Amino acid sequence: MRRLPLFPLPVVLLPDSVMPLHIFEPRYRQMVARCLEFDRKFGLLYHDPDQMGPFQMEPGRVGTVAEIGEFRILPDGRSLLLAHGRERFCIEDGVESDTPYYEAVVSDLSDEEPGDPEELVRNRRRSLDLFVKVLDRFGPSDPEVGAPELELDANREASFRIAAWIYLDPAWQQEFLALTRETDRLRRIDRVLLGVMESEGWHGSN
């Protein structure tokens, strides 16, 4: 277990994804300064105050460790940075401290061991093939971003890599993030991709 500064936001950062952030609140400016001084890491947690009320550090909440990549501090103290999604974490307990930002004791959240590694590779390959078909047919969900450069290696984790390129509701993403079986995540991805194909009246035959 370890102590981690927390940044609650109404978005979900997935492992192996990159998210641009604009840091303007004084307390989170201080958090970023602390991170840059130490290990450049903080915890990004999904929290929508309009739907969920004030932020609470309930044990069991799942988030993603963000590592600060490129950053730029503006003349007025605000900063622009790229947050790289690393491993997932689970809150064990909140920390009372004199810092203006949230901190918690967290543990790593890891996937369960797959029952059949070969079946998992087949499932990854199926999901990657579906994603490529949808992308070839309809293009990226955000045209300004362009087509993703997705590593199509079925021998490594694929569900988060695919989900990072699909525009999905943050609440859906949060449930997805907390799943500890990659097979379950791939099934959810497949349902989304097949739903896109069916909504367009395309079943891959044309």
N, C-alpha and C. Protein backbone atom coordinates (compact mmCIF):
# COMPACT_ATOMS: atom_id res chain seq x y z
N MET A 1 0.85 -1.20 0.00
CA MET A 1 0.00 0.00 0.00
C MET A 1 0.88 1.25 0.00
N ARG A 2 0.31 2.33 -0.45
CA ARG A 2 1.06 3.58 -0.54
C ARG A 2 0.12 4.77 -0.40
N ARG A 3 0.71 5.91 -0.18
CA ARG A 3 -0.05 7.15 -0.06
C ARG A 3 -0.03 7.87 -1.40
N LEU A 4 -1.21 8.35 -1.83
CA LEU A 4 -1.31 8.93 -3.17
C LEU A 4 -2.19 10.18 -3.14
N PRO A 5 -1.73 11.29 -3.72
CA PRO A 5 -2.61 12.45 -3.87
C PRO A 5 -3.70 12.14 -4.89
N LEU A 6 -4.90 12.67 -4.68
CA LEU A 6 -6.04 12.36 -5.53
C LEU A 6 -6.57 13.59 -6.24
N PHE A 7 -7.01 13.37 -7.48
CA PHE A 7 -7.60 14.43 -8.28
C PHE A 7 -8.94 13.91 -8.80
N PRO A 8 -10.06 14.24 -8.14
CA PRO A 8 -11.37 13.81 -8.63
C PRO A 8 -11.84 14.67 -9.79
N LEU A 9 -12.27 14.01 -10.87
CA LEU A 9 -12.74 14.70 -12.07
C LEU A 9 -13.91 13.92 -12.68
N PRO A 10 -14.78 14.57 -13.44
CA PRO A 10 -15.91 13.87 -14.07
C PRO A 10 -15.52 13.15 -15.36
N VAL A 11 -14.32 12.59 -15.38
CA VAL A 11 -13.82 11.82 -16.52
C VAL A 11 -13.09 10.60 -15.98
N VAL A 12 -12.85 9.63 -16.86
CA VAL A 12 -12.14 8.41 -16.47
C VAL A 12 -10.86 8.31 -17.29
N LEU A 13 -9.75 8.16 -16.60
CA LEU A 13 -8.47 7.90 -17.25
C LEU A 13 -8.24 6.40 -17.25
N LEU A 14 -8.08 5.82 -18.42
CA LEU A 14 -7.86 4.38 -18.53
C LEU A 14 -6.36 4.08 -18.58
N PRO A 15 -5.94 2.92 -18.08
CA PRO A 15 -4.54 2.53 -18.24
C PRO A 15 -4.14 2.54 -19.72
N ASP A 16 -2.91 2.92 -19.98
CA ASP A 16 -2.35 2.97 -21.34
C ASP A 16 -2.99 4.04 -22.21
N SER A 17 -3.65 5.02 -21.60
CA SER A 17 -4.21 6.13 -22.37
C SER A 17 -3.57 7.43 -21.92
N VAL A 18 -3.79 8.48 -22.68
CA VAL A 18 -3.21 9.80 -22.37
C VAL A 18 -4.34 10.82 -22.36
N MET A 19 -4.33 11.69 -21.35
CA MET A 19 -5.38 12.69 -21.22
C MET A 19 -4.76 14.07 -20.97
N PRO A 20 -5.12 15.08 -21.77
CA PRO A 20 -4.65 16.44 -21.49
C PRO A 20 -5.45 17.04 -20.35
N LEU A 21 -4.78 17.72 -19.44
CA LEU A 21 -5.44 18.35 -18.30
C LEU A 21 -5.03 19.81 -18.18
N HIS A 22 -5.99 20.63 -17.80
CA HIS A 22 -5.75 22.05 -17.53
C HIS A 22 -5.91 22.24 -16.02
N ILE A 23 -4.84 22.55 -15.34
CA ILE A 23 -4.85 22.68 -13.88
C ILE A 23 -4.95 24.15 -13.51
N PHE A 24 -6.08 24.54 -12.90
CA PHE A 24 -6.26 25.95 -12.58
C PHE A 24 -6.60 26.20 -11.11
N GLU A 25 -7.19 25.23 -10.41
CA GLU A 25 -7.50 25.44 -8.99
C GLU A 25 -6.20 25.49 -8.19
N PRO A 26 -6.06 26.44 -7.27
CA PRO A 26 -4.82 26.56 -6.49
C PRO A 26 -4.40 25.27 -5.79
N ARG A 27 -5.37 24.53 -5.23
CA ARG A 27 -4.98 23.32 -4.49
C ARG A 27 -4.40 22.26 -5.41
N TYR A 28 -4.89 22.20 -6.65
CA TYR A 28 -4.35 21.20 -7.56
C TYR A 28 -3.08 21.70 -8.25
N ARG A 29 -2.90 23.01 -8.31
CA ARG A 29 -1.59 23.53 -8.72
C ARG A 29 -0.54 23.06 -7.72
N GLN A 30 -0.89 23.14 -6.43
CA GLN A 30 0.04 22.70 -5.39
C GLN A 30 0.29 21.20 -5.50
N MET A 31 -0.76 20.44 -5.81
CA MET A 31 -0.59 18.99 -5.97
C MET A 31 0.37 18.68 -7.11
N VAL A 32 0.19 19.36 -8.24
CA VAL A 32 1.07 19.13 -9.39
C VAL A 32 2.51 19.48 -9.04
N ALA A 33 2.70 20.59 -8.32
CA ALA A 33 4.06 20.98 -7.91
C ALA A 33 4.68 19.89 -7.04
N ARG A 34 3.89 19.33 -6.14
CA ARG A 34 4.39 18.26 -5.28
C ARG A 34 4.75 17.04 -6.10
N CYS A 35 3.90 16.69 -7.07
CA CYS A 35 4.16 15.51 -7.92
C CYS A 35 5.43 15.69 -8.74
N LEU A 36 5.61 16.88 -9.29
CA LEU A 36 6.80 17.13 -10.10
C LEU A 36 8.07 17.06 -9.25
N GLU A 37 7.93 17.38 -7.98
CA GLU A 37 9.09 17.34 -7.09
C GLU A 37 9.45 15.91 -6.71
N PHE A 38 8.45 15.02 -6.70
CA PHE A 38 8.69 13.65 -6.27
C PHE A 38 8.63 12.68 -7.46
N ASP A 39 7.54 11.92 -7.58
CA ASP A 39 7.51 10.84 -8.57
C ASP A 39 6.62 11.13 -9.78
N ARG A 40 6.06 12.35 -9.85
CA ARG A 40 5.22 12.79 -10.97
C ARG A 40 3.89 12.05 -11.05
N LYS A 41 3.46 11.41 -9.96
CA LYS A 41 2.25 10.58 -10.01
C LYS A 41 1.18 11.08 -9.05
N PHE A 42 -0.08 10.96 -9.51
CA PHE A 42 -1.24 11.21 -8.66
C PHE A 42 -2.35 10.26 -9.09
N GLY A 43 -3.39 10.18 -8.30
CA GLY A 43 -4.51 9.31 -8.63
C GLY A 43 -5.66 10.09 -9.21
N LEU A 44 -6.12 9.70 -10.39
CA LEU A 44 -7.29 10.34 -10.99
C LEU A 44 -8.50 9.45 -10.74
N LEU A 45 -9.51 10.04 -10.10
CA LEU A 45 -10.73 9.32 -9.73
C LEU A 45 -11.93 9.94 -10.41
N TYR A 46 -12.80 9.10 -10.94
CA TYR A 46 -14.03 9.61 -11.55
C TYR A 46 -14.97 10.11 -10.46
N HIS A 47 -15.41 11.37 -10.62
CA HIS A 47 -16.41 11.92 -9.70
C HIS A 47 -17.15 13.04 -10.41
N ASP A 48 -18.45 12.87 -10.54
CA ASP A 48 -19.31 13.90 -11.13
C ASP A 48 -20.13 14.53 -10.01
N PRO A 49 -19.76 15.73 -9.56
CA PRO A 49 -20.45 16.33 -8.41
C PRO A 49 -21.92 16.61 -8.68
N ASP A 50 -22.29 16.85 -9.92
CA ASP A 50 -23.69 17.12 -10.24
C ASP A 50 -24.57 15.89 -10.00
N GLN A 51 -24.00 14.71 -10.18
CA GLN A 51 -24.76 13.48 -10.01
C GLN A 51 -24.46 12.76 -8.70
N MET A 52 -23.26 12.99 -8.15
CA MET A 52 -22.81 12.20 -7.01
C MET A 52 -22.66 13.00 -5.73
N GLY A 53 -22.82 14.33 -5.80
CA GLY A 53 -22.67 15.15 -4.61
C GLY A 53 -21.21 15.37 -4.26
N PRO A 54 -20.93 15.84 -3.03
CA PRO A 54 -19.55 16.11 -2.62
C PRO A 54 -18.68 14.86 -2.69
N PHE A 55 -17.42 15.07 -3.02
CA PHE A 55 -16.49 13.94 -3.14
C PHE A 55 -16.23 13.32 -1.77
N GLN A 56 -16.28 12.00 -1.72
CA GLN A 56 -15.97 11.24 -0.52
C GLN A 56 -14.92 10.18 -0.87
N MET A 57 -14.01 9.95 0.05
CA MET A 57 -12.95 8.96 -0.19
C MET A 57 -13.37 7.60 0.38
N GLU A 58 -14.45 7.05 -0.16
CA GLU A 58 -14.92 5.76 0.34
C GLU A 58 -13.92 4.66 0.00
N PRO A 59 -13.62 3.78 0.97
CA PRO A 59 -12.79 2.62 0.66
C PRO A 59 -13.44 1.79 -0.45
N GLY A 60 -12.62 1.29 -1.35
CA GLY A 60 -13.11 0.47 -2.45
C GLY A 60 -13.24 1.21 -3.76
N ARG A 61 -13.20 2.54 -3.74
CA ARG A 61 -13.29 3.28 -5.00
C ARG A 61 -12.05 3.02 -5.84
N VAL A 62 -12.27 2.89 -7.13
CA VAL A 62 -11.19 2.52 -8.06
C VAL A 62 -10.84 3.70 -8.95
N GLY A 63 -9.57 3.93 -9.14
CA GLY A 63 -9.09 4.98 -10.03
C GLY A 63 -7.85 4.51 -10.77
N THR A 64 -7.23 5.43 -11.47
CA THR A 64 -6.02 5.13 -12.25
C THR A 64 -4.89 6.06 -11.84
N VAL A 65 -3.73 5.49 -11.66
CA VAL A 65 -2.55 6.30 -11.39
C VAL A 65 -2.18 7.06 -12.65
N ALA A 66 -2.06 8.38 -12.53
CA ALA A 66 -1.67 9.24 -13.65
C ALA A 66 -0.22 9.68 -13.45
N GLU A 67 0.57 9.54 -14.49
CA GLU A 67 1.95 10.02 -14.45
C GLU A 67 2.07 11.23 -15.36
N ILE A 68 2.61 12.31 -14.82
CA ILE A 68 2.72 13.55 -15.58
C ILE A 68 3.81 13.41 -16.63
N GLY A 69 3.43 13.64 -17.89
CA GLY A 69 4.39 13.64 -18.98
C GLY A 69 4.78 15.06 -19.31
N GLU A 70 4.48 15.49 -20.52
CA GLU A 70 4.78 16.86 -20.90
C GLU A 70 3.92 17.82 -20.08
N PHE A 71 4.50 18.93 -19.68
CA PHE A 71 3.73 19.92 -18.94
C PHE A 71 4.29 21.31 -19.23
N ARG A 72 3.40 22.28 -19.04
CA ARG A 72 3.81 23.67 -19.24
C ARG A 72 3.12 24.53 -18.20
N ILE A 73 3.90 25.30 -17.46
CA ILE A 73 3.34 26.20 -16.46
C ILE A 73 3.16 27.57 -17.10
N LEU A 74 1.95 28.08 -17.03
CA LEU A 74 1.62 29.37 -17.62
C LEU A 74 2.01 30.51 -16.69
N PRO A 75 2.14 31.73 -17.22
CA PRO A 75 2.58 32.87 -16.40
C PRO A 75 1.71 33.12 -15.17
N ASP A 76 0.41 32.81 -15.25
CA ASP A 76 -0.48 33.07 -14.11
C ASP A 76 -0.53 31.91 -13.12
N GLY A 77 0.30 30.89 -13.31
CA GLY A 77 0.35 29.78 -12.37
C GLY A 77 -0.44 28.56 -12.79
N ARG A 78 -1.34 28.71 -13.76
CA ARG A 78 -2.04 27.54 -14.28
C ARG A 78 -1.04 26.65 -15.03
N SER A 79 -1.43 25.41 -15.24
CA SER A 79 -0.53 24.52 -15.99
C SER A 79 -1.32 23.64 -16.94
N LEU A 80 -0.66 23.27 -18.01
CA LEU A 80 -1.20 22.33 -19.00
C LEU A 80 -0.30 21.10 -18.98
N LEU A 81 -0.90 19.93 -18.90
CA LEU A 81 -0.08 18.73 -18.82
C LEU A 81 -0.75 17.56 -19.52
N LEU A 82 0.05 16.56 -19.81
CA LEU A 82 -0.46 15.29 -20.33
C LEU A 82 -0.35 14.26 -19.22
N ALA A 83 -1.50 13.65 -18.88
CA ALA A 83 -1.54 12.61 -17.85
C ALA A 83 -1.54 11.24 -18.53
N HIS A 84 -0.55 10.43 -18.23
CA HIS A 84 -0.44 9.09 -18.81
C HIS A 84 -1.01 8.08 -17.83
N GLY A 85 -2.02 7.32 -18.27
CA GLY A 85 -2.64 6.32 -17.40
C GLY A 85 -1.72 5.13 -17.18
N ARG A 86 -1.48 4.83 -15.92
CA ARG A 86 -0.64 3.69 -15.56
C ARG A 86 -1.50 2.60 -14.92
N GLU A 87 -1.13 2.12 -13.76
CA GLU A 87 -1.86 1.04 -13.13
C GLU A 87 -3.11 1.55 -12.41
N ARG A 88 -4.03 0.64 -12.13
CA ARG A 88 -5.23 0.98 -11.37
C ARG A 88 -4.94 0.89 -9.87
N PHE A 89 -5.74 1.60 -9.10
CA PHE A 89 -5.61 1.53 -7.65
C PHE A 89 -6.99 1.47 -7.01
N CYS A 90 -7.00 1.06 -5.76
CA CYS A 90 -8.23 0.98 -4.97
C CYS A 90 -7.99 1.71 -3.65
N ILE A 91 -8.90 2.61 -3.28
CA ILE A 91 -8.76 3.34 -2.02
C ILE A 91 -8.94 2.38 -0.85
N GLU A 92 -7.98 2.42 0.07
CA GLU A 92 -8.09 1.66 1.31
C GLU A 92 -8.60 2.55 2.45
N ASP A 93 -8.10 3.79 2.49
CA ASP A 93 -8.51 4.70 3.56
C ASP A 93 -8.11 6.12 3.19
N GLY A 94 -8.92 7.09 3.59
CA GLY A 94 -8.57 8.48 3.39
C GLY A 94 -7.49 8.90 4.37
N VAL A 95 -6.78 9.97 4.03
CA VAL A 95 -5.69 10.47 4.87
C VAL A 95 -6.02 11.89 5.31
N GLU A 96 -5.96 12.11 6.61
CA GLU A 96 -6.11 13.47 7.14
C GLU A 96 -4.74 14.13 7.10
N SER A 97 -4.63 15.23 6.36
CA SER A 97 -3.34 15.90 6.25
C SER A 97 -3.56 17.40 6.15
N ASP A 98 -2.46 18.15 6.17
CA ASP A 98 -2.56 19.60 6.08
C ASP A 98 -2.49 20.09 4.64
N THR A 99 -2.51 19.18 3.68
CA THR A 99 -2.50 19.60 2.28
C THR A 99 -3.91 20.02 1.87
N PRO A 100 -4.05 20.96 0.95
CA PRO A 100 -5.38 21.40 0.53
C PRO A 100 -6.06 20.42 -0.43
N TYR A 101 -5.31 19.46 -0.95
CA TYR A 101 -5.88 18.48 -1.87
C TYR A 101 -6.08 17.15 -1.14
N TYR A 102 -6.83 16.25 -1.77
CA TYR A 102 -7.13 14.95 -1.16
C TYR A 102 -5.93 14.01 -1.25
N GLU A 103 -5.81 13.17 -0.22
CA GLU A 103 -4.82 12.09 -0.22
C GLU A 103 -5.46 10.83 0.35
N ALA A 104 -4.99 9.68 -0.09
CA ALA A 104 -5.52 8.42 0.42
C ALA A 104 -4.43 7.36 0.43
N VAL A 105 -4.64 6.37 1.28
CA VAL A 105 -3.82 5.16 1.23
C VAL A 105 -4.49 4.22 0.23
N VAL A 106 -3.73 3.78 -0.75
CA VAL A 106 -4.29 2.96 -1.82
C VAL A 106 -3.50 1.67 -2.00
N SER A 107 -4.14 0.71 -2.61
CA SER A 107 -3.48 -0.54 -3.00
C SER A 107 -3.65 -0.72 -4.50
N ASP A 108 -2.76 -1.48 -5.11
CA ASP A 108 -2.87 -1.75 -6.54
C ASP A 108 -4.06 -2.68 -6.81
N LEU A 109 -4.75 -2.43 -7.90
CA LEU A 109 -5.83 -3.31 -8.34
C LEU A 109 -5.34 -4.07 -9.58
N SER A 110 -5.19 -5.36 -9.44
CA SER A 110 -4.68 -6.19 -10.53
C SER A 110 -5.76 -7.11 -11.06
N ASP A 111 -5.57 -7.58 -12.28
CA ASP A 111 -6.49 -8.54 -12.87
C ASP A 111 -6.31 -9.92 -12.24
N GLU A 112 -7.41 -10.68 -12.24
CA GLU A 112 -7.32 -12.08 -11.86
C GLU A 112 -6.56 -12.84 -12.95
N GLU A 113 -5.96 -13.94 -12.55
CA GLU A 113 -5.28 -14.79 -13.53
C GLU A 113 -6.30 -15.40 -14.49
N PRO A 114 -6.05 -15.36 -15.79
CA PRO A 114 -7.01 -15.95 -16.74
C PRO A 114 -7.06 -17.47 -16.59
N GLY A 115 -8.26 -18.02 -16.73
CA GLY A 115 -8.39 -19.47 -16.62
C GLY A 115 -7.71 -20.20 -17.77
N ASP A 116 -7.84 -19.66 -18.97
CA ASP A 116 -7.26 -20.28 -20.16
C ASP A 116 -6.55 -19.18 -20.95
N PRO A 117 -5.22 -19.05 -20.81
CA PRO A 117 -4.49 -17.99 -21.51
C PRO A 117 -4.69 -18.00 -23.02
N GLU A 118 -4.79 -19.19 -23.62
CA GLU A 118 -4.97 -19.26 -25.07
C GLU A 118 -6.34 -18.71 -25.48
N GLU A 119 -7.36 -18.99 -24.67
CA GLU A 119 -8.69 -18.45 -24.96
C GLU A 119 -8.68 -16.93 -24.84
N LEU A 120 -7.94 -16.41 -23.85
CA LEU A 120 -7.85 -14.97 -23.69
C LEU A 120 -7.23 -14.32 -24.92
N VAL A 121 -6.19 -14.93 -25.46
CA VAL A 121 -5.56 -14.40 -26.68
C VAL A 121 -6.55 -14.40 -27.83
N ARG A 122 -7.34 -15.46 -27.94
CA ARG A 122 -8.36 -15.52 -29.00
C ARG A 122 -9.40 -14.41 -28.81
N ASN A 123 -9.80 -14.19 -27.56
CA ASN A 123 -10.78 -13.13 -27.29
C ASN A 123 -10.21 -11.75 -27.64
N ARG A 124 -8.95 -11.55 -27.32
CA ARG A 124 -8.31 -10.27 -27.67
C ARG A 124 -8.28 -10.09 -29.18
N ARG A 125 -7.91 -11.15 -29.88
CA ARG A 125 -7.82 -11.06 -31.34
C ARG A 125 -9.19 -10.75 -31.95
N ARG A 126 -10.24 -11.37 -31.41
CA ARG A 126 -11.59 -11.11 -31.91
C ARG A 126 -11.97 -9.64 -31.68
N SER A 127 -11.71 -9.13 -30.49
CA SER A 127 -12.07 -7.74 -30.19
C SER A 127 -11.27 -6.76 -31.03
N LEU A 128 -9.98 -7.04 -31.21
CA LEU A 128 -9.15 -6.17 -32.04
C LEU A 128 -9.63 -6.18 -33.49
N ASP A 129 -10.00 -7.36 -34.00
CA ASP A 129 -10.51 -7.45 -35.37
C ASP A 129 -11.81 -6.67 -35.52
N LEU A 130 -12.71 -6.78 -34.53
CA LEU A 130 -13.96 -6.03 -34.57
C LEU A 130 -13.70 -4.53 -34.59
N PHE A 131 -12.77 -4.11 -33.74
CA PHE A 131 -12.46 -2.69 -33.65
C PHE A 131 -11.92 -2.17 -34.98
N VAL A 132 -11.02 -2.92 -35.60
CA VAL A 132 -10.45 -2.50 -36.88
C VAL A 132 -11.53 -2.42 -37.94
N LYS A 133 -12.47 -3.37 -37.95
CA LYS A 133 -13.57 -3.33 -38.92
C LYS A 133 -14.43 -2.09 -38.74
N VAL A 134 -14.78 -1.79 -37.49
CA VAL A 134 -15.60 -0.61 -37.22
C VAL A 134 -14.84 0.66 -37.61
N LEU A 135 -13.56 0.70 -37.29
CA LEU A 135 -12.77 1.88 -37.61
C LEU A 135 -12.65 2.06 -39.12
N ASP A 136 -12.40 0.98 -39.83
CA ASP A 136 -12.30 1.06 -41.29
C ASP A 136 -13.61 1.52 -41.91
N ARG A 137 -14.71 1.09 -41.32
CA ARG A 137 -16.02 1.40 -41.88
C ARG A 137 -16.48 2.83 -41.55
N PHE A 138 -16.30 3.21 -40.29
CA PHE A 138 -16.89 4.46 -39.83
C PHE A 138 -15.88 5.54 -39.47
N GLY A 139 -14.60 5.20 -39.37
CA GLY A 139 -13.61 6.18 -39.00
C GLY A 139 -13.57 6.38 -37.50
N PRO A 140 -12.61 7.19 -37.00
CA PRO A 140 -12.49 7.43 -35.57
C PRO A 140 -13.69 8.19 -35.04
N SER A 141 -14.00 8.00 -33.74
CA SER A 141 -15.15 8.67 -33.13
C SER A 141 -14.96 10.18 -33.09
N ASP A 142 -13.71 10.63 -33.07
CA ASP A 142 -13.41 12.07 -33.11
C ASP A 142 -12.55 12.33 -34.34
N PRO A 143 -13.12 12.88 -35.42
CA PRO A 143 -12.36 13.10 -36.65
C PRO A 143 -11.13 13.98 -36.46
N GLU A 144 -11.18 14.89 -35.47
CA GLU A 144 -10.05 15.79 -35.26
C GLU A 144 -8.84 15.04 -34.71
N VAL A 145 -9.10 13.91 -34.05
CA VAL A 145 -8.01 13.12 -33.48
C VAL A 145 -7.33 12.28 -34.55
N GLY A 146 -8.13 11.80 -35.50
CA GLY A 146 -7.58 10.94 -36.55
C GLY A 146 -7.60 9.48 -36.12
N ALA A 147 -7.19 8.63 -37.02
CA ALA A 147 -7.21 7.19 -36.75
C ALA A 147 -6.17 6.83 -35.69
N PRO A 148 -6.53 5.94 -34.76
CA PRO A 148 -5.58 5.56 -33.71
C PRO A 148 -4.47 4.68 -34.25
N GLU A 149 -3.31 4.84 -33.65
CA GLU A 149 -2.20 3.94 -33.94
C GLU A 149 -2.23 2.85 -32.87
N LEU A 150 -3.13 1.89 -33.04
CA LEU A 150 -3.36 0.87 -32.03
C LEU A 150 -2.44 -0.32 -32.25
N GLU A 151 -1.72 -0.70 -31.21
CA GLU A 151 -0.87 -1.88 -31.28
C GLU A 151 -1.76 -3.12 -31.31
N LEU A 152 -1.70 -3.88 -32.40
CA LEU A 152 -2.61 -5.00 -32.59
C LEU A 152 -2.05 -6.32 -32.07
N ASP A 153 -1.22 -6.26 -31.06
CA ASP A 153 -0.63 -7.46 -30.47
C ASP A 153 -1.64 -8.11 -29.52
N ALA A 154 -2.10 -9.30 -29.86
CA ALA A 154 -3.08 -10.00 -29.03
C ALA A 154 -2.44 -10.70 -27.84
N ASN A 155 -1.13 -10.62 -27.72
CA ASN A 155 -0.45 -11.27 -26.60
C ASN A 155 -0.28 -10.36 -25.40
N ARG A 156 -0.83 -9.15 -25.47
CA ARG A 156 -0.80 -8.26 -24.30
C ARG A 156 -2.18 -7.64 -24.12
N GLU A 157 -2.42 -7.06 -22.96
CA GLU A 157 -3.73 -6.51 -22.60
C GLU A 157 -4.27 -5.64 -23.73
N ALA A 158 -5.52 -5.89 -24.10
CA ALA A 158 -6.10 -5.17 -25.24
C ALA A 158 -7.33 -4.35 -24.89
N SER A 159 -8.04 -4.71 -23.83
CA SER A 159 -9.34 -4.07 -23.57
C SER A 159 -9.21 -2.58 -23.30
N PHE A 160 -8.24 -2.20 -22.49
CA PHE A 160 -8.07 -0.78 -22.20
C PHE A 160 -7.59 -0.01 -23.43
N ARG A 161 -6.74 -0.66 -24.23
CA ARG A 161 -6.25 0.01 -25.44
C ARG A 161 -7.39 0.32 -26.39
N ILE A 162 -8.34 -0.61 -26.53
CA ILE A 162 -9.47 -0.38 -27.43
C ILE A 162 -10.41 0.67 -26.84
N ALA A 163 -10.74 0.51 -25.56
CA ALA A 163 -11.71 1.42 -24.92
C ALA A 163 -11.24 2.86 -24.94
N ALA A 164 -9.93 3.07 -24.91
CA ALA A 164 -9.40 4.44 -24.92
C ALA A 164 -9.73 5.18 -26.21
N TRP A 165 -10.05 4.43 -27.28
CA TRP A 165 -10.33 5.05 -28.58
C TRP A 165 -11.82 5.09 -28.91
N ILE A 166 -12.65 4.70 -27.96
CA ILE A 166 -14.10 4.72 -28.19
C ILE A 166 -14.73 5.74 -27.26
N TYR A 167 -15.57 6.61 -27.80
CA TYR A 167 -16.23 7.60 -26.96
C TYR A 167 -17.37 6.92 -26.21
N LEU A 168 -17.22 6.81 -24.88
CA LEU A 168 -18.21 6.13 -24.05
C LEU A 168 -18.54 6.99 -22.84
N ASP A 169 -19.72 6.78 -22.29
CA ASP A 169 -20.15 7.51 -21.10
C ASP A 169 -19.18 7.25 -19.94
N PRO A 170 -18.77 8.29 -19.20
CA PRO A 170 -17.82 8.08 -18.10
C PRO A 170 -18.29 7.08 -17.05
N ALA A 171 -19.60 7.04 -16.76
CA ALA A 171 -20.09 6.07 -15.79
C ALA A 171 -19.86 4.64 -16.30
N TRP A 172 -20.06 4.42 -17.61
CA TRP A 172 -19.77 3.12 -18.22
C TRP A 172 -18.28 2.82 -18.10
N GLN A 173 -17.45 3.82 -18.40
CA GLN A 173 -16.01 3.62 -18.31
C GLN A 173 -15.57 3.27 -16.90
N GLN A 174 -16.22 3.89 -15.90
CA GLN A 174 -15.84 3.61 -14.51
C GLN A 174 -16.15 2.17 -14.13
N GLU A 175 -17.31 1.68 -14.52
CA GLU A 175 -17.64 0.27 -14.28
C GLU A 175 -16.64 -0.64 -14.98
N PHE A 176 -16.30 -0.27 -16.20
CA PHE A 176 -15.34 -1.02 -17.01
C PHE A 176 -13.98 -1.06 -16.32
N LEU A 177 -13.56 0.09 -15.78
CA LEU A 177 -12.26 0.20 -15.13
C LEU A 177 -12.15 -0.74 -13.93
N ALA A 178 -13.24 -0.93 -13.22
CA ALA A 178 -13.21 -1.71 -11.98
C ALA A 178 -13.25 -3.22 -12.21
N LEU A 179 -13.53 -3.66 -13.43
CA LEU A 179 -13.58 -5.10 -13.71
C LEU A 179 -12.18 -5.70 -13.62
N THR A 180 -12.07 -6.86 -12.99
CA THR A 180 -10.75 -7.47 -12.78
C THR A 180 -10.52 -8.71 -13.63
N ARG A 181 -11.37 -8.92 -14.63
CA ARG A 181 -11.16 -9.99 -15.61
C ARG A 181 -11.16 -9.36 -17.00
N GLU A 182 -10.04 -9.53 -17.70
CA GLU A 182 -9.97 -8.92 -19.03
C GLU A 182 -11.03 -9.51 -19.96
N THR A 183 -11.34 -10.77 -19.79
CA THR A 183 -12.37 -11.39 -20.63
C THR A 183 -13.70 -10.65 -20.48
N ASP A 184 -14.05 -10.26 -19.26
CA ASP A 184 -15.29 -9.51 -19.03
C ASP A 184 -15.25 -8.15 -19.72
N ARG A 185 -14.10 -7.50 -19.66
CA ARG A 185 -13.97 -6.20 -20.32
C ARG A 185 -14.08 -6.35 -21.84
N LEU A 186 -13.47 -7.39 -22.38
CA LEU A 186 -13.54 -7.61 -23.83
C LEU A 186 -14.97 -7.87 -24.27
N ARG A 187 -15.73 -8.60 -23.47
CA ARG A 187 -17.13 -8.85 -23.81
C ARG A 187 -17.90 -7.53 -23.90
N ARG A 188 -17.65 -6.64 -22.96
CA ARG A 188 -18.34 -5.34 -22.99
C ARG A 188 -17.94 -4.54 -24.22
N ILE A 189 -16.66 -4.57 -24.55
CA ILE A 189 -16.19 -3.89 -25.75
C ILE A 189 -16.87 -4.47 -26.98
N ASP A 190 -16.95 -5.79 -27.05
CA ASP A 190 -17.58 -6.44 -28.21
C ASP A 190 -19.03 -6.00 -28.36
N ARG A 191 -19.76 -5.92 -27.24
CA ARG A 191 -21.16 -5.50 -27.31
C ARG A 191 -21.29 -4.09 -27.86
N VAL A 192 -20.39 -3.22 -27.45
CA VAL A 192 -20.41 -1.84 -27.95
C VAL A 192 -20.14 -1.82 -29.45
N LEU A 193 -19.10 -2.53 -29.88
CA LEU A 193 -18.72 -2.53 -31.29
C LEU A 193 -19.80 -3.16 -32.16
N LEU A 194 -20.36 -4.28 -31.69
CA LEU A 194 -21.43 -4.92 -32.45
C LEU A 194 -22.67 -4.04 -32.50
N GLY A 195 -22.92 -3.30 -31.42
CA GLY A 195 -24.04 -2.37 -31.41
C GLY A 195 -23.87 -1.27 -32.44
N VAL A 196 -22.65 -0.78 -32.60
CA VAL A 196 -22.37 0.23 -33.62
C VAL A 196 -22.65 -0.34 -35.01
N MET A 197 -22.18 -1.55 -35.25
CA MET A 197 -22.38 -2.17 -36.56
C MET A 197 -23.86 -2.40 -36.85
N GLU A 198 -24.59 -2.89 -35.85
CA GLU A 198 -26.01 -3.18 -36.06
C GLU A 198 -26.82 -1.90 -36.24
N SER A 199 -26.44 -0.84 -35.51
CA SER A 199 -27.19 0.41 -35.64
C SER A 199 -27.06 1.01 -37.03
N GLU A 200 -25.98 0.66 -37.72
CA GLU A 200 -25.76 1.15 -39.07
C GLU A 200 -26.22 0.14 -40.13
N GLY A 201 -26.84 -0.95 -39.67
CA GLY A 201 -27.33 -1.96 -40.61
C GLY A 201 -26.23 -2.71 -41.32
N TRP A 202 -25.06 -2.79 -40.65
CA TRP A 202 -23.91 -3.46 -41.28
C TRP A 202 -23.49 -4.64 -40.42
N HIS A 203 -23.33 -5.78 -41.02
CA HIS A 203 -22.96 -6.98 -40.28
C HIS A 203 -21.64 -7.56 -40.79
N GLY A 204 -20.88 -6.74 -41.47
CA GLY A 204 -19.57 -7.18 -41.93
C GLY A 204 -19.57 -7.92 -43.24
N SER A 205 -20.74 -8.04 -43.87
CA SER A 205 -20.80 -8.81 -45.12
C SER A 205 -20.61 -7.95 -46.35
N ASN A 206 -20.62 -6.60 -46.17
CA ASN A 206 -20.44 -5.73 -47.33
C ASN A 206 -19.32 -4.76 -47.11
